[in-house]
Amino acid sequence: MAVMEVARPKLSPARMRPRDVMRVGAVGLRTRPLRAFLSALGIAIGIAAMVSVVGLSSSSGAELDRTLSALGTNLLTVSSGTTLMGEAAQMPKDAEAMIERIGPVQAVSSIGRVGEAKVYRSEEIPEAQTGGMTTYAARLDLPATVGATLRSGTWLNAATERYPAAVVGSSAAQRLGVGSVGPDTQVVIGGVRFAVVGVMNPVALATELDSAVLVGWPVAESRLGFDGHPTTLYTRSEESKLEAVRQVLAGTANPEAPNEVDVSRPSDALAAKQATSQAFANLLLGVGAVALLVGGVGVANTMVISVLERRAEIGLRRSLGATRGQIRTQFLAESLLLSALGGGGGILLGTGVTMGYALYSGWPSVVPAWATVGGLAATLAIGAAAGLYPAIRASRLSPTEALSTP
């Protein structure tokens, strides 16, 4: 009688579900938490450095945009240059009136340097200690033209511009020890006592005013020997015709010698400053990338040591039917989890640093989405690269070799 042979089903190794991969990948992190923390810390420092550098740079740029939006980018300055002989040039007295005739020009104001009028807090200050401050005669419409505001007191008016009254810039006020305006607050300008009637805030588009002491045009001529020639003129023009105005300003201000006139756009200087800050940010970004690479090396070192220490575990799993691919997946998942923990912590830390510094500086807090997404992607890439070799090495261990290793 023939015996019927029953076909045996072909056995195949069980597949690991994503939840199983995460569970076995977290075994090494749970059993060695301090080592995992220190390895993740290296990744976190690198990611935090990169995110905070990008965030602070973006926040600074947003603050610049906000400043320019508030002050406007249509301000042009016309200042005295030098003659062909290298001497200081002199602007015509009617330069302001001539510029006002340019059609697109909306506002014009000016200041004139009073060269011999040194500024002191009192007559007891030694003559050599000038403090680097400059005295200027100023027009009444200067604050409206340059976007200046006062921290204390008031600006010059039709009455005070004819008498010994002065407004000091923000830096000049610090050097003179003038915190606020009072009835007895006075300074000595050119040997004449002037009452301080106002203290200015920093002027973003006219930084020369920060270290200046400003007096009325008439009193500068009558009491300080001012010659009446403007040194710098500030003009506001229609934005669409700004470049056209810029091209004719020098010839209009000084028709006889336009080459002795310098025309500039203060907002360009701010943009250049921002570009310099951006270059420095790129340097710091490179430092953050190096820190991230060092953190990746630390993760790789941790994973190699983990494979060496857990040979018995690997051998036991292989004996129970785990395939090489499953062992490889386990250690690769562990490396990715380790890096992801560090990356997540670094993103939170970098975002916190950005928000804290922006709040302290009064900036809008901006952390670009690409910085956080890119940081996390870089973290996972570093984790995959760091864990690949240890994972392959672990998968190549045979059960007999792994279990026989002391």
Protein backbone atom coordinates (compact mmCIF):
# COMPACT_ATOMS: atom_id res chain seq x y z
CA MET A 1 0.00 0.00 0.00
CA ALA A 2 1.48 3.32 -1.09
CA VAL A 3 2.14 5.91 1.60
CA MET A 4 0.99 9.37 0.68
CA GLU A 5 3.56 12.07 1.38
CA VAL A 6 2.17 15.23 2.94
CA ALA A 7 3.71 18.47 1.60
CA ARG A 8 5.19 20.54 4.34
CA PRO A 9 4.62 24.29 4.16
CA LYS A 10 7.71 26.33 3.41
CA LEU A 11 8.70 28.32 6.47
CA SER A 12 9.72 31.94 6.15
CA PRO A 13 11.00 34.28 8.83
CA ALA A 14 8.43 36.55 10.44
CA ARG A 15 8.45 40.12 9.25
CA MET A 16 9.01 42.90 11.75
CA ARG A 17 6.32 45.50 11.86
CA PRO A 18 7.32 49.17 12.30
CA ARG A 19 6.22 49.01 15.93
CA ASP A 20 8.47 46.00 16.51
CA VAL A 21 11.40 47.79 14.85
CA MET A 22 10.95 50.76 17.16
CA ARG A 23 10.69 48.54 20.23
CA VAL A 24 13.83 46.51 19.58
CA GLY A 25 15.69 49.61 18.41
CA ALA A 26 15.01 51.29 21.75
CA VAL A 27 16.43 48.38 23.78
CA GLY A 28 19.97 49.75 23.75
CA LEU A 29 18.78 53.25 24.66
CA ARG A 30 16.77 52.00 27.65
CA THR A 31 19.52 49.77 29.02
CA ARG A 32 22.29 52.39 28.70
CA PRO A 33 20.53 55.75 29.21
CA LEU A 34 23.59 57.78 30.26
CA ARG A 35 25.60 56.71 27.23
CA ALA A 36 22.62 57.39 24.98
CA PHE A 37 22.18 60.84 26.52
CA LEU A 38 25.81 61.82 26.02
CA SER A 39 25.81 60.59 22.42
CA ALA A 40 22.57 62.43 21.65
CA LEU A 41 23.99 65.54 23.30
CA GLY A 42 26.69 65.84 20.62
CA ILE A 43 24.03 65.80 17.90
CA ALA A 44 21.87 68.25 19.88
CA ILE A 45 24.70 70.79 20.21
CA GLY A 46 25.37 70.76 16.47
CA ILE A 47 21.70 71.10 15.51
CA ALA A 48 21.09 73.79 18.16
CA ALA A 49 24.03 75.81 16.83
CA MET A 50 22.77 75.60 13.26
CA VAL A 51 19.13 76.40 14.08
CA SER A 52 20.01 79.30 16.39
CA VAL A 53 22.44 80.84 13.88
CA VAL A 54 19.86 80.67 11.09
CA GLY A 55 17.12 81.91 13.43
CA LEU A 56 19.11 84.86 14.76
CA SER A 57 20.18 85.84 11.25
CA SER A 58 16.58 85.69 10.02
CA SER A 59 15.33 87.62 13.06
CA SER A 60 17.96 90.31 12.49
CA GLY A 61 16.91 90.56 8.84
CA ALA A 62 13.25 90.86 9.86
CA GLU A 63 14.18 93.65 12.28
CA LEU A 64 16.04 95.46 9.50
CA ASP A 65 13.03 95.15 7.19
CA ARG A 66 10.77 96.46 9.95
CA THR A 67 13.10 99.39 10.61
CA LEU A 68 13.32 100.32 6.95
CA SER A 69 9.56 100.01 6.56
CA ALA A 70 9.08 102.41 9.46
CA LEU A 71 11.76 104.90 8.42
CA GLY A 72 11.49 104.50 4.65
CA THR A 73 14.16 103.77 2.09
CA ASN A 74 13.70 107.00 0.15
CA LEU A 75 16.19 109.06 2.18
CA LEU A 76 19.25 110.40 0.37
CA THR A 77 22.07 112.36 1.99
CA VAL A 78 24.17 115.03 0.29
CA SER A 79 27.40 115.86 2.08
CA SER A 80 30.51 117.93 1.45
CA GLY A 81 33.38 115.95 -0.04
CA THR A 82 36.92 117.04 -0.79
CA THR A 83 38.46 119.29 -3.41
CA LEU A 84 40.99 118.18 -6.02
CA MET A 85 43.71 119.34 -3.63
CA GLY A 86 42.42 117.07 -0.88
CA GLU A 87 40.96 119.86 1.24
CA ALA A 88 37.48 119.85 2.76
CA ALA A 89 34.94 121.20 0.26
CA GLN A 90 32.27 123.73 1.15
CA MET A 91 28.60 123.47 0.23
CA PRO A 92 26.87 126.62 -1.10
CA LYS A 93 24.56 128.35 1.35
CA ASP A 94 21.63 128.08 -1.06
CA ALA A 95 22.11 124.33 -1.69
CA GLU A 96 19.02 123.47 0.34
CA ALA A 97 16.83 125.90 -1.60
CA MET A 98 18.13 124.61 -4.94
CA ILE A 99 17.41 120.97 -4.04
CA GLU A 100 13.86 121.88 -3.00
CA ARG A 101 13.22 122.84 -6.64
CA ILE A 102 13.71 119.24 -7.82
CA GLY A 103 10.21 118.00 -8.63
CA PRO A 104 10.15 114.54 -6.97
CA VAL A 105 11.83 115.83 -3.79
CA GLN A 106 9.29 115.79 -0.96
CA ALA A 107 11.36 117.15 1.95
CA VAL A 108 14.79 118.68 2.54
CA SER A 109 16.60 119.49 5.76
CA SER A 110 20.22 120.13 6.67
CA ILE A 111 22.85 120.43 9.37
CA GLY A 112 26.00 122.53 9.38
CA ARG A 113 29.12 121.67 11.33
CA VAL A 114 30.31 124.30 13.80
CA GLY A 115 33.93 123.24 13.77
CA GLU A 116 35.43 125.31 16.58
CA ALA A 117 32.58 124.84 19.07
CA LYS A 118 33.73 122.07 21.43
CA VAL A 119 31.24 120.54 23.83
CA TYR A 120 31.83 120.04 27.57
CA ARG A 121 29.65 119.22 30.54
CA SER A 122 31.00 122.22 32.42
CA GLU A 123 33.81 124.73 32.39
CA GLU A 124 35.77 122.53 34.79
CA ILE A 125 36.36 119.80 32.17
CA PRO A 126 39.92 119.86 30.68
CA GLU A 127 39.98 121.28 27.17
CA ALA A 128 41.49 118.10 25.68
CA GLN A 129 38.59 115.92 26.87
CA THR A 130 36.14 116.71 24.06
CA GLY A 131 34.51 113.27 24.12
CA GLY A 132 34.43 113.00 20.33
CA MET A 133 31.24 115.04 20.06
CA THR A 134 30.44 117.45 17.23
CA THR A 135 28.33 120.59 17.29
CA TYR A 136 25.91 121.11 14.39
CA ALA A 137 23.51 123.88 13.48
CA ALA A 138 20.22 122.19 12.60
CA ARG A 139 17.03 123.09 10.78
CA LEU A 140 13.69 122.80 12.58
CA ASP A 141 12.35 120.13 10.18
CA LEU A 142 15.32 117.79 10.68
CA PRO A 143 13.53 115.13 12.85
CA ALA A 144 10.66 114.75 10.38
CA THR A 145 13.07 114.34 7.47
CA VAL A 146 15.45 111.78 8.99
CA GLY A 147 12.87 109.97 11.13
CA ALA A 148 14.38 111.02 14.47
CA THR A 149 12.51 110.83 17.78
CA LEU A 150 13.23 112.26 21.22
CA ARG A 151 13.69 110.24 24.39
CA SER A 152 13.25 113.26 26.63
CA GLY A 153 12.29 116.89 26.20
CA THR A 154 11.38 118.61 22.95
CA TRP A 155 12.98 119.57 19.64
CA LEU A 156 14.05 123.09 18.77
CA ASN A 157 11.31 125.50 17.71
CA ALA A 158 11.03 128.97 16.23
CA ALA A 159 11.74 130.54 19.62
CA THR A 160 14.50 128.29 21.03
CA GLU A 161 16.52 128.19 17.80
CA ARG A 162 17.49 131.83 18.42
CA TYR A 163 18.63 131.29 22.00
CA PRO A 164 21.26 129.08 23.70
CA ALA A 165 19.25 125.85 23.60
CA ALA A 166 20.57 122.47 22.47
CA VAL A 167 19.39 118.95 21.68
CA VAL A 168 21.90 116.14 22.29
CA GLY A 169 22.15 112.81 20.45
CA SER A 170 21.85 109.48 22.24
CA SER A 171 25.60 108.74 22.40
CA ALA A 172 26.45 112.36 23.22
CA ALA A 173 23.99 112.26 26.12
CA GLN A 174 25.78 109.23 27.58
CA ARG A 175 29.18 110.87 27.29
CA LEU A 176 27.92 114.09 28.87
CA GLY A 177 26.03 112.28 31.62
CA VAL A 178 22.68 113.73 30.54
CA GLY A 179 19.97 111.21 31.29
CA SER A 180 16.93 113.42 30.98
CA VAL A 181 16.03 117.04 30.50
CA GLY A 182 15.65 119.30 33.54
CA PRO A 183 15.50 123.03 34.19
CA ASP A 184 19.15 123.05 35.30
CA THR A 185 20.55 120.70 32.63
CA GLN A 186 23.20 122.65 30.76
CA VAL A 187 26.28 122.05 28.64
CA VAL A 188 29.08 124.33 27.51
CA ILE A 189 29.42 124.78 23.73
CA GLY A 190 32.22 126.95 22.43
CA GLY A 191 32.53 128.62 25.83
CA VAL A 192 28.82 129.46 25.94
CA ARG A 193 26.37 127.78 28.31
CA PHE A 194 23.43 126.13 26.51
CA ALA A 195 20.31 124.72 28.14
CA VAL A 196 19.59 121.13 27.08
CA VAL A 197 15.98 121.01 25.89
CA GLY A 198 15.94 117.51 24.35
CA VAL A 199 17.67 114.13 24.23
CA MET A 200 17.32 112.08 21.05
CA ASN A 201 16.89 108.36 20.53
CA PRO A 202 19.37 106.62 18.20
CA VAL A 203 18.76 107.61 14.56
CA ALA A 204 19.10 104.55 12.34
CA LEU A 205 19.41 106.41 9.03
CA ALA A 206 21.58 109.27 10.30
CA THR A 207 24.00 107.77 12.82
CA GLU A 208 26.19 110.90 12.77
CA LEU A 209 23.48 112.60 14.82
CA ASP A 210 23.92 110.15 17.71
CA SER A 211 27.22 111.74 18.77
CA ALA A 212 26.11 115.28 17.90
CA VAL A 213 24.94 118.29 19.86
CA LEU A 214 22.42 120.28 17.80
CA VAL A 215 21.65 123.96 18.14
CA GLY A 216 19.50 126.37 16.18
CA TRP A 217 20.84 127.83 12.92
CA PRO A 218 20.46 131.52 14.00
CA VAL A 219 22.11 131.09 17.43
CA ALA A 220 24.98 129.15 15.87
CA GLU A 221 25.66 132.09 13.56
CA SER A 222 25.29 134.77 16.24
CA ARG A 223 26.99 133.09 19.24
CA LEU A 224 29.28 130.34 17.91
CA GLY A 225 30.78 131.87 14.76
CA PHE A 226 28.99 129.50 12.34
CA ASP A 227 29.54 130.48 8.69
CA GLY A 228 26.07 129.36 7.52
CA HIS A 229 27.26 126.71 5.04
CA PRO A 230 25.43 123.35 5.35
CA THR A 231 27.57 120.27 5.78
CA THR A 232 24.99 117.55 5.16
CA LEU A 233 21.57 117.73 3.52
CA TYR A 234 18.87 115.07 3.93
CA THR A 235 16.25 114.63 1.21
CA ARG A 236 13.10 112.55 0.92
CA SER A 237 11.92 111.77 -2.60
CA GLU A 238 9.29 109.71 -4.38
CA GLU A 239 10.37 106.08 -4.22
CA SER A 240 9.78 105.46 -7.92
CA LYS A 241 11.99 108.40 -8.92
CA LEU A 242 14.67 108.00 -6.28
CA GLU A 243 17.45 106.99 -8.67
CA ALA A 244 16.67 109.88 -11.02
CA VAL A 245 16.89 112.32 -8.11
CA ARG A 246 20.10 110.70 -6.95
CA GLN A 247 21.77 111.36 -10.28
CA VAL A 248 21.07 115.11 -10.24
CA LEU A 249 21.59 115.86 -6.55
CA ALA A 250 25.32 116.57 -6.71
CA GLY A 251 25.00 118.95 -9.66
CA THR A 252 22.02 120.70 -8.07
CA ALA A 253 23.62 121.12 -4.63
CA ASN A 254 26.88 122.50 -6.01
CA PRO A 255 26.60 123.35 -9.72
CA GLU A 256 30.13 124.76 -9.88
CA ALA A 257 31.81 121.67 -8.43
CA PRO A 258 29.54 118.60 -8.38
CA ASN A 259 32.61 116.38 -7.94
CA GLU A 260 33.03 117.88 -4.46
CA VAL A 261 29.66 116.50 -3.31
CA ASP A 262 29.03 112.98 -1.98
CA VAL A 263 25.57 111.45 -2.39
CA SER A 264 24.61 108.31 -0.47
CA ARG A 265 21.60 106.27 0.52
CA PRO A 266 21.65 105.37 4.25
CA SER A 267 19.45 102.31 3.78
CA ASP A 268 22.17 100.84 1.54
CA ALA A 269 24.59 101.07 4.47
CA LEU A 270 22.14 99.19 6.67
CA ALA A 271 21.73 96.54 3.98
CA ALA A 272 25.51 96.23 3.70
CA LYS A 273 25.74 95.81 7.47
CA GLN A 274 23.13 93.07 7.26
CA ALA A 275 25.12 91.38 4.48
CA THR A 276 28.20 91.44 6.72
CA SER A 277 26.19 89.89 9.53
CA GLN A 278 24.96 87.24 7.12
CA ALA A 279 28.55 86.37 6.14
CA PHE A 280 29.41 85.98 9.82
CA ALA A 281 26.30 83.83 10.27
CA ASN A 282 27.49 81.57 7.45
CA LEU A 283 30.78 81.13 9.29
CA LEU A 284 28.96 80.15 12.47
CA LEU A 285 26.78 77.81 10.42
CA GLY A 286 29.94 76.04 9.29
CA VAL A 287 31.01 75.71 12.92
CA GLY A 288 27.62 74.17 13.69
CA ALA A 289 28.06 71.71 10.83
CA VAL A 290 31.43 70.65 12.25
CA ALA A 291 29.82 70.16 15.67
CA LEU A 292 27.12 68.05 14.04
CA LEU A 293 29.76 65.92 12.31
CA VAL A 294 31.56 65.42 15.62
CA GLY A 295 28.26 64.37 17.15
CA GLY A 296 27.78 61.86 14.33
CA VAL A 297 31.20 60.37 15.04
CA GLY A 298 30.15 60.02 18.69
CA VAL A 299 27.01 58.15 17.65
CA ALA A 300 29.03 55.84 15.41
CA ASN A 301 31.45 55.12 18.25
CA THR A 302 28.57 54.36 20.60
CA MET A 303 27.00 51.96 18.12
CA VAL A 304 30.26 50.09 17.49
CA ILE A 305 30.77 49.62 21.23
CA SER A 306 27.14 48.55 21.58
CA VAL A 307 27.63 45.80 18.98
CA LEU A 308 30.74 44.53 20.77
CA GLU A 309 29.02 44.50 24.15
CA ARG A 310 25.84 42.82 22.92
CA ARG A 311 27.25 39.90 21.00
CA ALA A 312 25.49 37.45 23.29
CA GLU A 313 22.16 39.14 22.61
CA ILE A 314 22.82 39.05 18.86
CA GLY A 315 23.75 35.35 19.00
CA LEU A 316 20.64 34.49 21.01
CA ARG A 317 18.37 36.33 18.58
CA ARG A 318 20.01 34.62 15.62
CA SER A 319 19.56 31.22 17.32
CA LEU A 320 15.86 31.95 17.81
CA GLY A 321 15.44 32.66 14.09
CA ALA A 322 16.22 36.32 13.59
CA THR A 323 17.63 36.96 10.15
CA ARG A 324 20.63 39.08 9.30
CA GLY A 325 18.33 41.71 7.87
CA GLN A 326 16.40 41.92 11.13
CA ILE A 327 19.60 42.31 13.15
CA ARG A 328 20.77 44.98 10.73
CA THR A 329 17.41 46.76 10.99
CA GLN A 330 17.53 46.65 14.79
CA PHE A 331 20.88 48.42 15.12
CA LEU A 332 20.18 50.85 12.30
CA ALA A 333 16.90 51.79 13.99
CA GLU A 334 18.75 52.28 17.27
CA SER A 335 21.19 54.68 15.60
CA LEU A 336 18.36 56.61 13.96
CA LEU A 337 16.44 56.87 17.24
CA LEU A 338 19.55 58.09 19.02
CA SER A 339 20.17 60.75 16.39
CA ALA A 340 16.50 61.74 16.23
CA LEU A 341 16.43 62.33 19.99
CA GLY A 342 19.50 64.52 19.72
CA GLY A 343 18.12 66.35 16.69
CA GLY A 344 14.76 67.02 18.32
CA GLY A 345 16.43 68.33 21.45
CA GLY A 346 18.77 70.48 19.37
CA ILE A 347 15.87 72.00 17.40
CA LEU A 348 14.04 72.86 20.63
CA LEU A 349 17.19 74.31 22.17
CA GLY A 350 18.08 76.34 19.06
CA THR A 351 14.53 77.67 18.76
CA GLY A 352 14.53 78.61 22.44
CA VAL A 353 17.83 80.49 22.10
CA THR A 354 16.51 82.37 19.07
CA MET A 355 13.25 83.34 20.76
CA GLY A 356 15.02 84.37 23.97
CA TYR A 357 17.60 86.58 22.26
CA ALA A 358 15.02 88.08 19.90
CA LEU A 359 12.79 88.93 22.87
CA TYR A 360 15.74 90.46 24.73
CA SER A 361 16.74 92.56 21.70
CA GLY A 362 13.21 93.57 20.78
CA TRP A 363 13.36 91.75 17.43
CA PRO A 364 10.63 89.70 15.80
CA SER A 365 11.38 86.02 16.41
CA VAL A 366 11.84 84.16 13.12
CA VAL A 367 12.93 80.53 12.76
CA PRO A 368 12.56 79.44 9.12
CA ALA A 369 10.74 76.15 8.61
CA TRP A 370 13.51 74.96 6.29
CA ALA A 371 16.00 75.28 9.16
CA THR A 372 14.06 72.91 11.42
CA VAL A 373 13.18 70.48 8.62
CA GLY A 374 16.72 70.61 7.26
CA GLY A 375 18.15 70.10 10.74
CA LEU A 376 16.01 67.03 11.33
CA ALA A 377 16.89 65.64 7.89
CA ALA A 378 20.59 66.21 8.56
CA THR A 379 20.20 64.44 11.89
CA LEU A 380 18.62 61.37 10.30
CA ALA A 381 21.26 61.33 7.56
CA ILE A 382 24.02 61.48 10.18
CA GLY A 383 22.30 58.75 12.19
CA ALA A 384 21.94 56.48 9.15
CA ALA A 385 25.58 56.98 8.15
CA ALA A 386 26.80 56.46 11.73
CA GLY A 387 24.78 53.31 12.28
CA LEU A 388 25.27 51.61 8.91
CA TYR A 389 28.68 50.02 9.57
CA PRO A 390 27.85 48.79 13.11
CA ALA A 391 24.53 47.38 11.83
CA ILE A 392 26.23 45.48 9.00
CA ARG A 393 28.90 44.23 11.39
CA ALA A 394 26.27 42.97 13.82
CA SER A 395 24.33 41.18 11.07
CA ARG A 396 27.43 39.27 9.92
CA LEU A 397 27.96 37.62 13.30
CA SER A 398 26.99 33.95 13.19
CA PRO A 399 25.03 32.52 16.16
CA THR A 400 27.89 30.21 17.12
CA GLU A 401 30.52 32.96 16.99
CA ALA A 402 28.36 35.41 18.91
CA LEU A 403 27.41 32.99 21.67
CA SER A 404 30.95 31.67 22.10
CA THR A 405 32.43 35.15 22.58
CA PRO A 406 33.00 35.83 26.28
